[in-house]
Amino acid sequence: MTAETTFRPVPRAGEEAPDFTLPDDTGQPCTLSEQRGHWVLLFFYPKDDTSGCAREACALRDADPEIKALDARTWGVSILGSGSKAAFKAKYGLPFTLLADEEHRVAEAYGVWVQKTNYGKTYWGVQRASFLVDPSGRLAHVWPKVDPDTHAAEVLAALKQVRRST
């Protein structure tokens, strides 16, 4: 975490989604609040082109036609730059937007910039988590920890459920 920021907990369902603007995989700015009127799945992942992130992204890629049929858009967010995002997207044929949160400010706002430990080494990184934002900009569903192998099915189930109730 940077000295200027403070720890934020993961927002809960029903809360307003923290707004942001980030560059996408082409370098163009994308603003969450400009998506009002549509469902948006925000999935935070640690790093482009790592095994778990590729599995999760490819499962969401395969579910994308069904997600789009439910009037939802998918945005992936991680800390690497637009060039890394473009390469990751091209390598796996990802049909959705990938956003570069290089200063991890959006990850911090969503409470997913966390201290991690791997092989005895402690460091800061993005916790794999997702947020389903409803058309009014509120969080309809929150997955604070995600299994990359089952997450796409969980997203589809939740999206179908909330779409039936609206």
N, C-alpha and C. Protein backbone atom coordinates (compact mmCIF):
# COMPACT_ATOMS: atom_id res chain seq x y z
N MET A 1 0.84 -1.19 0.00
CA MET A 1 0.00 0.00 0.00
C MET A 1 0.87 1.24 0.00
N THR A 2 0.38 2.26 -0.62
CA THR A 2 1.14 3.50 -0.64
C THR A 2 0.87 4.27 0.64
N ALA A 3 1.77 5.18 0.96
CA ALA A 3 1.65 5.95 2.19
C ALA A 3 0.40 6.83 2.19
N GLU A 4 -0.06 7.24 0.98
CA GLU A 4 -1.21 8.15 0.89
C GLU A 4 -2.54 7.43 1.05
N THR A 5 -2.56 6.11 1.01
CA THR A 5 -3.82 5.39 1.06
C THR A 5 -3.99 4.67 2.38
N THR A 6 -5.21 4.30 2.65
CA THR A 6 -5.51 3.53 3.84
C THR A 6 -6.17 2.24 3.42
N PHE A 7 -6.08 1.24 4.27
CA PHE A 7 -6.71 -0.04 3.99
C PHE A 7 -8.21 0.13 3.88
N ARG A 8 -8.79 -0.49 2.87
CA ARG A 8 -10.24 -0.49 2.71
C ARG A 8 -10.71 -1.93 2.67
N PRO A 9 -11.79 -2.23 3.36
CA PRO A 9 -12.34 -3.59 3.28
C PRO A 9 -13.01 -3.80 1.93
N VAL A 10 -13.24 -5.05 1.58
CA VAL A 10 -13.95 -5.38 0.36
C VAL A 10 -15.38 -4.84 0.48
N PRO A 11 -15.84 -4.07 -0.50
CA PRO A 11 -17.22 -3.58 -0.44
C PRO A 11 -18.21 -4.74 -0.46
N ARG A 12 -19.38 -4.51 0.09
CA ARG A 12 -20.40 -5.56 0.17
C ARG A 12 -21.51 -5.33 -0.83
N ALA A 13 -22.22 -6.40 -1.14
CA ALA A 13 -23.39 -6.31 -2.02
C ALA A 13 -24.34 -5.27 -1.45
N GLY A 14 -24.92 -4.47 -2.33
CA GLY A 14 -25.83 -3.40 -1.94
C GLY A 14 -25.16 -2.04 -1.88
N GLU A 15 -23.84 -2.02 -1.71
CA GLU A 15 -23.11 -0.76 -1.67
C GLU A 15 -22.88 -0.24 -3.09
N GLU A 16 -22.65 1.06 -3.19
CA GLU A 16 -22.31 1.63 -4.48
C GLU A 16 -20.92 1.17 -4.89
N ALA A 17 -20.76 0.80 -6.15
CA ALA A 17 -19.46 0.36 -6.66
C ALA A 17 -18.53 1.57 -6.75
N PRO A 18 -17.33 1.48 -6.20
CA PRO A 18 -16.38 2.60 -6.34
C PRO A 18 -16.13 2.88 -7.83
N ASP A 19 -16.30 4.14 -8.22
CA ASP A 19 -16.10 4.51 -9.61
C ASP A 19 -14.61 4.68 -9.90
N PHE A 20 -14.25 4.51 -11.15
CA PHE A 20 -12.85 4.66 -11.55
C PHE A 20 -12.76 4.84 -13.05
N THR A 21 -11.60 5.30 -13.48
CA THR A 21 -11.23 5.35 -14.89
C THR A 21 -9.85 4.74 -15.00
N LEU A 22 -9.70 3.76 -15.90
CA LEU A 22 -8.42 3.09 -16.13
C LEU A 22 -8.22 2.91 -17.63
N PRO A 23 -6.95 2.84 -18.08
CA PRO A 23 -6.71 2.54 -19.48
C PRO A 23 -6.97 1.06 -19.76
N ASP A 24 -7.53 0.80 -20.96
CA ASP A 24 -7.79 -0.58 -21.33
C ASP A 24 -6.59 -1.16 -22.08
N ASP A 25 -6.79 -2.32 -22.68
CA ASP A 25 -5.72 -3.02 -23.37
C ASP A 25 -5.25 -2.30 -24.63
N THR A 26 -5.96 -1.26 -25.06
CA THR A 26 -5.52 -0.44 -26.20
C THR A 26 -5.01 0.92 -25.75
N GLY A 27 -5.05 1.17 -24.42
CA GLY A 27 -4.62 2.46 -23.89
C GLY A 27 -5.74 3.47 -23.75
N GLN A 28 -6.96 3.12 -24.19
CA GLN A 28 -8.10 4.03 -24.11
C GLN A 28 -8.69 4.02 -22.70
N PRO A 29 -9.10 5.19 -22.18
CA PRO A 29 -9.69 5.23 -20.84
C PRO A 29 -11.09 4.61 -20.81
N CYS A 30 -11.35 3.86 -19.75
CA CYS A 30 -12.66 3.26 -19.51
C CYS A 30 -13.12 3.69 -18.12
N THR A 31 -14.35 4.17 -18.03
CA THR A 31 -14.90 4.67 -16.77
C THR A 31 -16.10 3.81 -16.39
N LEU A 32 -16.09 3.28 -15.18
CA LEU A 32 -17.17 2.41 -14.74
C LEU A 32 -18.52 3.10 -14.79
N SER A 33 -18.62 4.33 -14.31
CA SER A 33 -19.93 5.00 -14.26
C SER A 33 -20.53 5.23 -15.65
N GLU A 34 -19.72 5.18 -16.70
CA GLU A 34 -20.24 5.31 -18.05
C GLU A 34 -20.95 4.03 -18.52
N GLN A 35 -20.87 2.99 -17.71
CA GLN A 35 -21.54 1.72 -18.04
C GLN A 35 -22.92 1.62 -17.40
N ARG A 36 -23.37 2.70 -16.75
CA ARG A 36 -24.70 2.68 -16.14
C ARG A 36 -25.73 2.26 -17.18
N GLY A 37 -26.70 1.46 -16.75
CA GLY A 37 -27.69 0.92 -17.66
C GLY A 37 -27.35 -0.50 -18.09
N HIS A 38 -26.15 -0.96 -17.74
CA HIS A 38 -25.71 -2.32 -18.07
C HIS A 38 -25.15 -3.00 -16.83
N TRP A 39 -25.20 -4.31 -16.83
CA TRP A 39 -24.52 -5.10 -15.80
C TRP A 39 -23.04 -5.17 -16.18
N VAL A 40 -22.16 -5.11 -15.18
CA VAL A 40 -20.73 -5.21 -15.43
C VAL A 40 -20.13 -6.19 -14.41
N LEU A 41 -19.42 -7.17 -14.94
CA LEU A 41 -18.63 -8.05 -14.07
C LEU A 41 -17.22 -7.50 -14.04
N LEU A 42 -16.77 -7.10 -12.84
CA LEU A 42 -15.38 -6.68 -12.64
C LEU A 42 -14.66 -7.86 -12.01
N PHE A 43 -13.67 -8.40 -12.72
CA PHE A 43 -12.90 -9.47 -12.10
C PHE A 43 -11.46 -9.01 -11.95
N PHE A 44 -11.00 -9.05 -10.71
CA PHE A 44 -9.62 -8.68 -10.38
C PHE A 44 -8.78 -9.94 -10.38
N TYR A 45 -7.65 -9.88 -11.04
CA TYR A 45 -6.77 -11.04 -11.11
C TYR A 45 -5.34 -10.58 -10.88
N PRO A 46 -4.49 -11.45 -10.34
CA PRO A 46 -3.14 -11.03 -9.96
C PRO A 46 -2.24 -10.56 -11.10
N LYS A 47 -2.16 -11.32 -12.20
CA LYS A 47 -1.16 -11.01 -13.21
C LYS A 47 -1.55 -11.60 -14.56
N ASP A 48 -1.28 -10.86 -15.62
CA ASP A 48 -1.55 -11.36 -16.97
C ASP A 48 -0.70 -12.60 -17.25
N ASP A 49 -1.30 -13.54 -17.94
CA ASP A 49 -0.63 -14.71 -18.50
C ASP A 49 0.06 -15.61 -17.47
N THR A 50 -0.51 -15.72 -16.28
CA THR A 50 -0.06 -16.74 -15.34
C THR A 50 -1.09 -17.86 -15.39
N SER A 51 -0.76 -19.02 -14.90
CA SER A 51 -1.63 -20.19 -15.11
C SER A 51 -3.04 -19.99 -14.55
N GLY A 52 -3.16 -19.58 -13.30
CA GLY A 52 -4.49 -19.39 -12.70
C GLY A 52 -5.26 -18.28 -13.38
N CYS A 53 -4.59 -17.21 -13.72
CA CYS A 53 -5.26 -16.08 -14.38
C CYS A 53 -5.70 -16.46 -15.78
N ALA A 54 -4.89 -17.23 -16.48
CA ALA A 54 -5.27 -17.69 -17.82
C ALA A 54 -6.47 -18.63 -17.74
N ARG A 55 -6.47 -19.54 -16.76
CA ARG A 55 -7.62 -20.46 -16.62
C ARG A 55 -8.90 -19.68 -16.35
N GLU A 56 -8.83 -18.71 -15.44
CA GLU A 56 -10.02 -17.92 -15.12
C GLU A 56 -10.48 -17.11 -16.33
N ALA A 57 -9.55 -16.43 -17.00
CA ALA A 57 -9.90 -15.60 -18.15
C ALA A 57 -10.48 -16.44 -19.29
N CYS A 58 -9.91 -17.62 -19.52
CA CYS A 58 -10.42 -18.48 -20.60
C CYS A 58 -11.80 -19.03 -20.27
N ALA A 59 -12.06 -19.34 -19.01
CA ALA A 59 -13.40 -19.80 -18.62
C ALA A 59 -14.41 -18.67 -18.81
N LEU A 60 -14.03 -17.45 -18.46
CA LEU A 60 -14.92 -16.31 -18.68
C LEU A 60 -15.08 -16.03 -20.18
N ARG A 61 -14.02 -16.25 -20.95
CA ARG A 61 -14.10 -16.11 -22.41
C ARG A 61 -15.15 -17.09 -22.96
N ASP A 62 -15.08 -18.33 -22.49
CA ASP A 62 -16.01 -19.35 -22.98
C ASP A 62 -17.45 -19.05 -22.56
N ALA A 63 -17.62 -18.38 -21.43
CA ALA A 63 -18.96 -18.03 -20.94
C ALA A 63 -19.44 -16.68 -21.49
N ASP A 64 -18.57 -15.98 -22.21
CA ASP A 64 -18.88 -14.62 -22.65
C ASP A 64 -20.16 -14.50 -23.49
N PRO A 65 -20.44 -15.41 -24.43
CA PRO A 65 -21.70 -15.27 -25.18
C PRO A 65 -22.92 -15.29 -24.26
N GLU A 66 -22.90 -16.15 -23.25
CA GLU A 66 -24.02 -16.23 -22.32
C GLU A 66 -24.08 -14.99 -21.42
N ILE A 67 -22.92 -14.51 -21.00
CA ILE A 67 -22.85 -13.29 -20.18
C ILE A 67 -23.41 -12.12 -20.97
N LYS A 68 -22.99 -11.98 -22.22
CA LYS A 68 -23.50 -10.89 -23.07
C LYS A 68 -25.00 -11.02 -23.32
N ALA A 69 -25.49 -12.25 -23.48
CA ALA A 69 -26.92 -12.47 -23.69
C ALA A 69 -27.75 -12.00 -22.49
N LEU A 70 -27.12 -11.93 -21.33
CA LEU A 70 -27.78 -11.44 -20.11
C LEU A 70 -27.53 -9.94 -19.92
N ASP A 71 -27.11 -9.25 -20.99
CA ASP A 71 -26.84 -7.80 -21.01
C ASP A 71 -25.75 -7.40 -20.02
N ALA A 72 -24.74 -8.23 -19.91
CA ALA A 72 -23.62 -7.91 -19.01
C ALA A 72 -22.34 -7.79 -19.81
N ARG A 73 -21.44 -6.99 -19.29
CA ARG A 73 -20.11 -6.80 -19.86
C ARG A 73 -19.09 -7.28 -18.85
N THR A 74 -17.97 -7.73 -19.35
CA THR A 74 -16.91 -8.23 -18.47
C THR A 74 -15.70 -7.31 -18.60
N TRP A 75 -15.16 -6.90 -17.45
CA TRP A 75 -13.93 -6.12 -17.39
C TRP A 75 -12.98 -6.83 -16.44
N GLY A 76 -11.79 -7.15 -16.92
CA GLY A 76 -10.75 -7.72 -16.07
C GLY A 76 -9.78 -6.63 -15.64
N VAL A 77 -9.34 -6.69 -14.38
CA VAL A 77 -8.46 -5.65 -13.83
C VAL A 77 -7.26 -6.30 -13.16
N SER A 78 -6.07 -5.85 -13.55
CA SER A 78 -4.85 -6.24 -12.83
C SER A 78 -3.83 -5.12 -12.94
N ILE A 79 -2.69 -5.30 -12.30
CA ILE A 79 -1.75 -4.19 -12.14
C ILE A 79 -0.75 -4.01 -13.28
N LEU A 80 -0.68 -4.93 -14.22
CA LEU A 80 0.25 -4.75 -15.33
C LEU A 80 -0.31 -3.78 -16.36
N GLY A 81 0.56 -3.21 -17.20
CA GLY A 81 0.18 -2.16 -18.14
C GLY A 81 -0.62 -2.63 -19.34
N SER A 82 -1.03 -1.66 -20.16
CA SER A 82 -1.87 -1.93 -21.33
C SER A 82 -1.21 -2.87 -22.33
N GLY A 83 0.11 -2.77 -22.51
CA GLY A 83 0.81 -3.65 -23.44
C GLY A 83 0.72 -5.10 -23.01
N SER A 84 0.88 -5.34 -21.72
CA SER A 84 0.76 -6.70 -21.18
C SER A 84 -0.67 -7.21 -21.36
N LYS A 85 -1.63 -6.33 -21.15
CA LYS A 85 -3.04 -6.69 -21.32
C LYS A 85 -3.32 -7.07 -22.78
N ALA A 86 -2.79 -6.28 -23.73
CA ALA A 86 -3.02 -6.56 -25.14
C ALA A 86 -2.44 -7.92 -25.53
N ALA A 87 -1.26 -8.23 -25.04
CA ALA A 87 -0.63 -9.51 -25.34
C ALA A 87 -1.42 -10.67 -24.75
N PHE A 88 -1.87 -10.52 -23.51
CA PHE A 88 -2.67 -11.55 -22.82
C PHE A 88 -3.97 -11.78 -23.58
N LYS A 89 -4.62 -10.69 -23.96
CA LYS A 89 -5.89 -10.76 -24.68
C LYS A 89 -5.70 -11.47 -26.02
N ALA A 90 -4.66 -11.12 -26.76
CA ALA A 90 -4.41 -11.72 -28.07
C ALA A 90 -4.05 -13.20 -27.96
N LYS A 91 -3.23 -13.53 -26.98
CA LYS A 91 -2.77 -14.92 -26.82
C LYS A 91 -3.93 -15.88 -26.60
N TYR A 92 -4.93 -15.45 -25.81
CA TYR A 92 -6.04 -16.33 -25.45
C TYR A 92 -7.36 -15.99 -26.14
N GLY A 93 -7.35 -15.02 -27.03
CA GLY A 93 -8.59 -14.66 -27.74
C GLY A 93 -9.67 -14.16 -26.80
N LEU A 94 -9.28 -13.33 -25.86
CA LEU A 94 -10.24 -12.82 -24.87
C LEU A 94 -11.11 -11.74 -25.50
N PRO A 95 -12.43 -11.88 -25.43
CA PRO A 95 -13.33 -10.94 -26.11
C PRO A 95 -13.75 -9.74 -25.26
N PHE A 96 -13.23 -9.64 -24.05
CA PHE A 96 -13.67 -8.57 -23.16
C PHE A 96 -12.53 -7.60 -22.85
N THR A 97 -12.88 -6.53 -22.19
CA THR A 97 -11.96 -5.45 -21.85
C THR A 97 -11.06 -5.84 -20.69
N LEU A 98 -9.77 -5.56 -20.83
CA LEU A 98 -8.81 -5.73 -19.74
C LEU A 98 -8.29 -4.35 -19.37
N LEU A 99 -8.24 -4.06 -18.08
CA LEU A 99 -7.87 -2.73 -17.59
C LEU A 99 -6.57 -2.77 -16.79
N ALA A 100 -5.75 -1.75 -17.01
CA ALA A 100 -4.44 -1.64 -16.37
C ALA A 100 -4.52 -0.74 -15.14
N ASP A 101 -4.39 -1.34 -13.98
CA ASP A 101 -4.42 -0.64 -12.69
C ASP A 101 -2.99 -0.60 -12.13
N GLU A 102 -2.09 0.04 -12.88
CA GLU A 102 -0.66 -0.02 -12.57
C GLU A 102 -0.32 0.53 -11.18
N GLU A 103 -1.05 1.49 -10.71
CA GLU A 103 -0.77 2.05 -9.38
C GLU A 103 -1.64 1.40 -8.30
N HIS A 104 -2.36 0.38 -8.66
CA HIS A 104 -3.24 -0.42 -7.80
C HIS A 104 -4.24 0.39 -6.97
N ARG A 105 -4.59 1.57 -7.44
CA ARG A 105 -5.55 2.40 -6.71
C ARG A 105 -6.96 1.81 -6.75
N VAL A 106 -7.35 1.22 -7.89
CA VAL A 106 -8.68 0.62 -7.98
C VAL A 106 -8.72 -0.66 -7.14
N ALA A 107 -7.65 -1.45 -7.19
CA ALA A 107 -7.58 -2.64 -6.34
C ALA A 107 -7.70 -2.25 -4.86
N GLU A 108 -7.07 -1.15 -4.49
CA GLU A 108 -7.19 -0.66 -3.10
C GLU A 108 -8.62 -0.25 -2.80
N ALA A 109 -9.27 0.47 -3.72
CA ALA A 109 -10.64 0.94 -3.50
C ALA A 109 -11.60 -0.23 -3.32
N TYR A 110 -11.31 -1.35 -3.98
CA TYR A 110 -12.16 -2.54 -3.87
C TYR A 110 -11.68 -3.51 -2.79
N GLY A 111 -10.66 -3.12 -2.04
CA GLY A 111 -10.19 -3.94 -0.92
C GLY A 111 -9.48 -5.21 -1.33
N VAL A 112 -8.97 -5.26 -2.56
CA VAL A 112 -8.32 -6.49 -3.03
C VAL A 112 -6.81 -6.34 -3.20
N TRP A 113 -6.25 -5.21 -2.78
CA TRP A 113 -4.80 -5.04 -2.72
C TRP A 113 -4.40 -5.51 -1.32
N VAL A 114 -3.81 -6.70 -1.26
CA VAL A 114 -3.59 -7.37 0.03
C VAL A 114 -2.16 -7.86 0.16
N GLN A 115 -1.81 -8.13 1.39
CA GLN A 115 -0.51 -8.73 1.67
C GLN A 115 -0.62 -10.23 1.44
N LYS A 116 0.32 -10.77 0.68
CA LYS A 116 0.33 -12.19 0.34
C LYS A 116 1.64 -12.81 0.80
N THR A 117 1.63 -14.13 0.91
CA THR A 117 2.85 -14.87 1.24
C THR A 117 2.98 -16.03 0.27
N ASN A 118 4.18 -16.17 -0.29
CA ASN A 118 4.45 -17.27 -1.21
C ASN A 118 5.89 -17.74 -0.97
N TYR A 119 6.03 -19.01 -0.68
CA TYR A 119 7.35 -19.59 -0.38
C TYR A 119 8.09 -18.80 0.70
N GLY A 120 7.35 -18.37 1.71
CA GLY A 120 7.95 -17.65 2.84
C GLY A 120 8.21 -16.18 2.59
N LYS A 121 7.94 -15.69 1.40
CA LYS A 121 8.17 -14.29 1.07
C LYS A 121 6.84 -13.53 1.15
N THR A 122 6.83 -12.40 1.83
CA THR A 122 5.63 -11.58 1.96
C THR A 122 5.72 -10.40 1.00
N TYR A 123 4.62 -10.13 0.31
CA TYR A 123 4.58 -9.04 -0.66
C TYR A 123 3.13 -8.57 -0.81
N TRP A 124 2.94 -7.44 -1.51
CA TRP A 124 1.61 -6.91 -1.78
C TRP A 124 1.20 -7.31 -3.19
N GLY A 125 -0.07 -7.68 -3.35
CA GLY A 125 -0.57 -8.05 -4.67
C GLY A 125 -2.08 -8.05 -4.70
N VAL A 126 -2.61 -8.36 -5.86
CA VAL A 126 -4.06 -8.39 -6.07
C VAL A 126 -4.62 -9.74 -5.66
N GLN A 127 -5.63 -9.70 -4.82
CA GLN A 127 -6.37 -10.91 -4.46
C GLN A 127 -7.39 -11.17 -5.55
N ARG A 128 -7.48 -12.40 -6.01
CA ARG A 128 -8.46 -12.77 -7.03
C ARG A 128 -9.86 -12.60 -6.44
N ALA A 129 -10.64 -11.68 -6.99
CA ALA A 129 -11.99 -11.37 -6.49
C ALA A 129 -12.81 -10.80 -7.63
N SER A 130 -14.13 -10.86 -7.51
CA SER A 130 -15.01 -10.30 -8.54
C SER A 130 -16.19 -9.58 -7.92
N PHE A 131 -16.73 -8.66 -8.72
CA PHE A 131 -17.85 -7.83 -8.30
C PHE A 131 -18.82 -7.70 -9.47
N LEU A 132 -20.08 -7.99 -9.22
CA LEU A 132 -21.12 -7.81 -10.23
C LEU A 132 -21.81 -6.49 -9.93
N VAL A 133 -21.68 -5.55 -10.87
CA VAL A 133 -22.24 -4.20 -10.70
C VAL A 133 -23.55 -4.14 -11.48
N ASP A 134 -24.60 -3.68 -10.80
CA ASP A 134 -25.91 -3.62 -11.46
C ASP A 134 -26.02 -2.35 -12.32
N PRO A 135 -27.08 -2.23 -13.11
CA PRO A 135 -27.21 -1.08 -14.01
C PRO A 135 -27.27 0.28 -13.32
N SER A 136 -27.57 0.31 -12.02
CA SER A 136 -27.60 1.59 -11.30
C SER A 136 -26.26 1.91 -10.64
N GLY A 137 -25.28 1.02 -10.77
CA GLY A 137 -23.95 1.28 -10.19
C GLY A 137 -23.75 0.71 -8.80
N ARG A 138 -24.65 -0.16 -8.37
CA ARG A 138 -24.53 -0.79 -7.06
C ARG A 138 -24.00 -2.21 -7.22
N LEU A 139 -23.39 -2.72 -6.18
CA LEU A 139 -22.86 -4.08 -6.21
C LEU A 139 -23.99 -5.07 -5.95
N ALA A 140 -24.26 -5.91 -6.94
CA ALA A 140 -25.31 -6.91 -6.80
C ALA A 140 -24.79 -8.20 -6.19
N HIS A 141 -23.53 -8.50 -6.45
CA HIS A 141 -22.91 -9.72 -5.91
C HIS A 141 -21.42 -9.49 -5.76
N VAL A 142 -20.84 -10.06 -4.69
CA VAL A 142 -19.41 -9.92 -4.42
C VAL A 142 -18.83 -11.30 -4.17
N TRP A 143 -17.74 -11.60 -4.85
CA TRP A 143 -16.96 -12.82 -4.61
C TRP A 143 -15.60 -12.38 -4.08
N PRO A 144 -15.40 -12.35 -2.74
CA PRO A 144 -14.14 -11.83 -2.19
C PRO A 144 -12.93 -12.72 -2.47
N LYS A 145 -13.16 -13.99 -2.71
CA LYS A 145 -12.08 -14.91 -3.07
C LYS A 145 -12.63 -15.83 -4.14
N VAL A 146 -11.85 -16.02 -5.19
CA VAL A 146 -12.34 -16.72 -6.37
C VAL A 146 -11.48 -17.93 -6.69
N ASP A 147 -12.14 -19.02 -7.06
CA ASP A 147 -11.45 -20.19 -7.59
C ASP A 147 -11.49 -20.04 -9.11
N PRO A 148 -10.33 -19.93 -9.77
CA PRO A 148 -10.33 -19.69 -11.21
C PRO A 148 -11.01 -20.78 -12.03
N ASP A 149 -11.11 -21.98 -11.49
CA ASP A 149 -11.69 -23.10 -12.23
C ASP A 149 -13.22 -23.17 -12.15
N THR A 150 -13.82 -22.54 -11.17
CA THR A 150 -15.28 -22.62 -11.01
C THR A 150 -15.97 -21.26 -11.12
N HIS A 151 -15.19 -20.21 -11.23
CA HIS A 151 -15.77 -18.87 -11.12
C HIS A 151 -16.74 -18.52 -12.25
N ALA A 152 -16.44 -18.88 -13.47
CA ALA A 152 -17.33 -18.52 -14.58
C ALA A 152 -18.73 -19.09 -14.36
N ALA A 153 -18.81 -20.32 -13.89
CA ALA A 153 -20.12 -20.93 -13.62
C ALA A 153 -20.83 -20.20 -12.49
N GLU A 154 -20.09 -19.77 -11.47
CA GLU A 154 -20.69 -19.01 -10.35
C GLU A 154 -21.22 -17.67 -10.85
N VAL A 155 -20.48 -17.02 -11.72
CA VAL A 155 -20.91 -15.73 -12.27
C VAL A 155 -22.20 -15.91 -13.06
N LEU A 156 -22.24 -16.90 -13.93
CA LEU A 156 -23.45 -17.13 -14.73
C LEU A 156 -24.66 -17.42 -13.85
N ALA A 157 -24.47 -18.25 -12.83
CA ALA A 157 -25.58 -18.57 -11.92
C ALA A 157 -26.08 -17.31 -11.21
N ALA A 158 -25.17 -16.49 -10.71
CA ALA A 158 -25.56 -15.27 -10.00
C ALA A 158 -26.22 -14.28 -10.94
N LEU A 159 -25.66 -14.15 -12.14
CA LEU A 159 -26.23 -13.21 -13.10
C LEU A 159 -27.63 -13.63 -13.51
N LYS A 160 -27.83 -14.92 -13.74
CA LYS A 160 -29.18 -15.42 -14.09
C LYS A 160 -30.16 -15.16 -12.93
N GLN A 161 -29.69 -15.38 -11.70
CA GLN A 161 -30.56 -15.17 -10.54
C GLN A 161 -30.97 -13.71 -10.40
N VAL A 162 -30.02 -12.78 -10.48
CA VAL A 162 -30.37 -11.38 -10.31
C VAL A 162 -31.17 -10.85 -11.49
N ARG A 163 -30.93 -11.38 -12.66
CA ARG A 163 -31.71 -10.95 -13.84
C ARG A 163 -33.15 -11.43 -13.74
N ARG A 164 -33.39 -12.61 -13.14
CA ARG A 164 -34.76 -13.10 -12.94
C ARG A 164 -35.51 -12.23 -11.96
N SER A 165 -34.80 -11.70 -10.97
CA SER A 165 -35.47 -10.93 -9.92
C SER A 165 -35.64 -9.47 -10.28
N THR A 166 -35.14 -9.03 -11.43
CA THR A 166 -35.29 -7.62 -11.80
C THR A 166 -36.33 -7.42 -12.86
